[in-house]
Amino acid sequence: MKKVLSTLALAASVSLAGCATSMPVGVILTDVTLPAGATANGEATKVGRAKCQSILVLVAQGDCSIEAAKADGGITEVTHMDWKANNILGVIGNYELTVYGN
């Protein structure tokens, strides 16, 4: 039994060792909002959002592009952007790009 548990622990640590991401990721829950970029374009008067979703880390759908968020808010000049990720156990993941601008 000790050999099996040791093997499983080693396999898990080796497979997870290379999991580097550009955002904080929780194994059970990820719920973070991060800055995605900024410009020198001044104050924002409009907000646009673009959303996408993943299910069971098998299927992903939606449009989280900057262009989709700009179209949603009627924005032509971007001032800054925020990125929100919410994922529970890799079962359901909801992602949102929020673009601020004029």
Protein backbone atom coordinates (compact mmCIF):
# COMPACT_ATOMS: atom_id res chain seq x y z
CA MET A 1 0.00 0.00 0.00
CA LYS A 2 2.86 2.39 0.81
CA LYS A 3 4.39 1.69 -2.59
CA VAL A 4 1.13 2.51 -4.38
CA LEU A 5 0.64 5.76 -2.43
CA SER A 6 4.26 6.77 -3.00
CA THR A 7 3.92 6.11 -6.73
CA LEU A 8 0.69 8.13 -6.92
CA ALA A 9 2.23 11.02 -4.98
CA LEU A 10 5.28 11.03 -7.24
CA ALA A 11 3.15 10.90 -10.39
CA ALA A 12 0.97 13.77 -9.16
CA SER A 13 3.93 15.95 -8.24
CA VAL A 14 5.67 15.32 -11.56
CA SER A 15 2.54 15.99 -13.62
CA LEU A 16 1.67 19.17 -11.71
CA ALA A 17 5.21 20.53 -11.48
CA GLY A 18 5.07 22.13 -14.93
CA CYS A 19 1.74 23.87 -14.40
CA ALA A 20 2.86 27.48 -14.56
CA THR A 21 0.22 30.03 -15.48
CA SER A 22 0.07 33.77 -15.88
CA MET A 23 -2.66 33.97 -13.23
CA PRO A 24 -3.18 32.43 -9.79
CA VAL A 25 -4.95 29.07 -10.09
CA GLY A 26 -6.58 27.14 -7.26
CA VAL A 27 -6.99 23.38 -7.48
CA ILE A 28 -10.50 23.47 -6.01
CA LEU A 29 -11.62 27.02 -6.78
CA THR A 30 -10.27 29.86 -8.87
CA ASP A 31 -12.05 33.20 -8.59
CA VAL A 32 -9.72 36.04 -9.57
CA THR A 33 -9.86 39.36 -11.36
CA LEU A 34 -6.62 40.60 -12.90
CA PRO A 35 -5.58 43.59 -14.97
CA ALA A 36 -5.11 42.66 -18.61
CA GLY A 37 -3.65 45.88 -19.98
CA ALA A 38 -3.75 49.66 -19.96
CA THR A 39 -3.09 52.54 -22.32
CA ALA A 40 -2.49 56.25 -21.98
CA ASN A 41 -5.92 57.06 -23.43
CA GLY A 42 -7.29 58.81 -20.31
CA GLU A 43 -10.57 58.28 -18.46
CA ALA A 44 -13.11 55.66 -19.52
CA THR A 45 -16.77 56.51 -20.08
CA LYS A 46 -17.94 53.13 -21.46
CA VAL A 47 -17.67 49.48 -20.43
CA GLY A 48 -17.94 46.38 -22.62
CA ARG A 49 -17.80 42.71 -21.67
CA ALA A 50 -17.01 39.50 -23.54
CA LYS A 51 -17.65 36.08 -21.99
CA CYS A 52 -16.69 32.47 -22.62
CA GLN A 53 -17.11 29.18 -20.75
CA SER A 54 -15.47 25.78 -20.45
CA ILE A 55 -17.17 22.59 -19.32
CA LEU A 56 -15.24 19.65 -17.84
CA VAL A 57 -12.08 21.06 -19.46
CA LEU A 58 -13.36 19.27 -22.58
CA VAL A 59 -15.56 21.85 -24.31
CA ALA A 60 -14.98 25.60 -24.48
CA GLN A 61 -17.22 28.14 -26.16
CA GLY A 62 -17.73 31.86 -26.40
CA ASP A 63 -15.85 34.91 -27.56
CA CYS A 64 -13.60 36.58 -24.98
CA SER A 65 -11.83 38.75 -27.51
CA ILE A 66 -11.08 42.43 -27.11
CA GLU A 67 -13.07 43.14 -30.27
CA ALA A 68 -16.17 41.40 -28.85
CA ALA A 69 -15.93 43.41 -25.63
CA LYS A 70 -15.42 46.65 -27.56
CA ALA A 71 -18.49 45.92 -29.69
CA ASP A 72 -20.55 45.14 -26.57
CA GLY A 73 -19.75 48.53 -25.06
CA GLY A 74 -19.61 50.58 -28.24
CA ILE A 75 -15.96 51.35 -27.53
CA THR A 76 -13.53 52.64 -30.15
CA GLU A 77 -10.64 53.70 -27.89
CA VAL A 78 -9.58 51.35 -25.05
CA THR A 79 -8.21 52.75 -21.78
CA HIS A 80 -7.77 49.53 -19.81
CA MET A 81 -8.96 45.94 -19.49
CA ASP A 82 -9.63 43.47 -16.67
CA TRP A 83 -9.73 39.67 -16.90
CA LYS A 84 -11.95 37.58 -14.56
CA ALA A 85 -11.65 33.82 -14.19
CA ASN A 86 -13.96 31.63 -12.13
CA ASN A 87 -13.42 27.87 -12.20
CA ILE A 88 -14.65 25.18 -9.82
CA LEU A 89 -12.78 21.85 -9.88
CA GLY A 90 -12.30 22.18 -13.63
CA VAL A 91 -15.98 21.30 -14.08
CA ILE A 92 -17.37 24.70 -15.03
CA GLY A 93 -15.17 27.63 -15.93
CA ASN A 94 -16.51 31.11 -16.61
CA TYR A 95 -14.22 33.76 -18.06
CA GLU A 96 -14.88 37.42 -18.75
CA LEU A 97 -12.90 40.20 -20.36
CA THR A 98 -14.02 43.70 -19.36
CA VAL A 99 -12.87 46.55 -21.57
CA TYR A 100 -13.08 50.19 -20.48
CA GLY A 101 -12.83 53.07 -22.90
CA ASN A 102 -14.57 55.69 -25.00
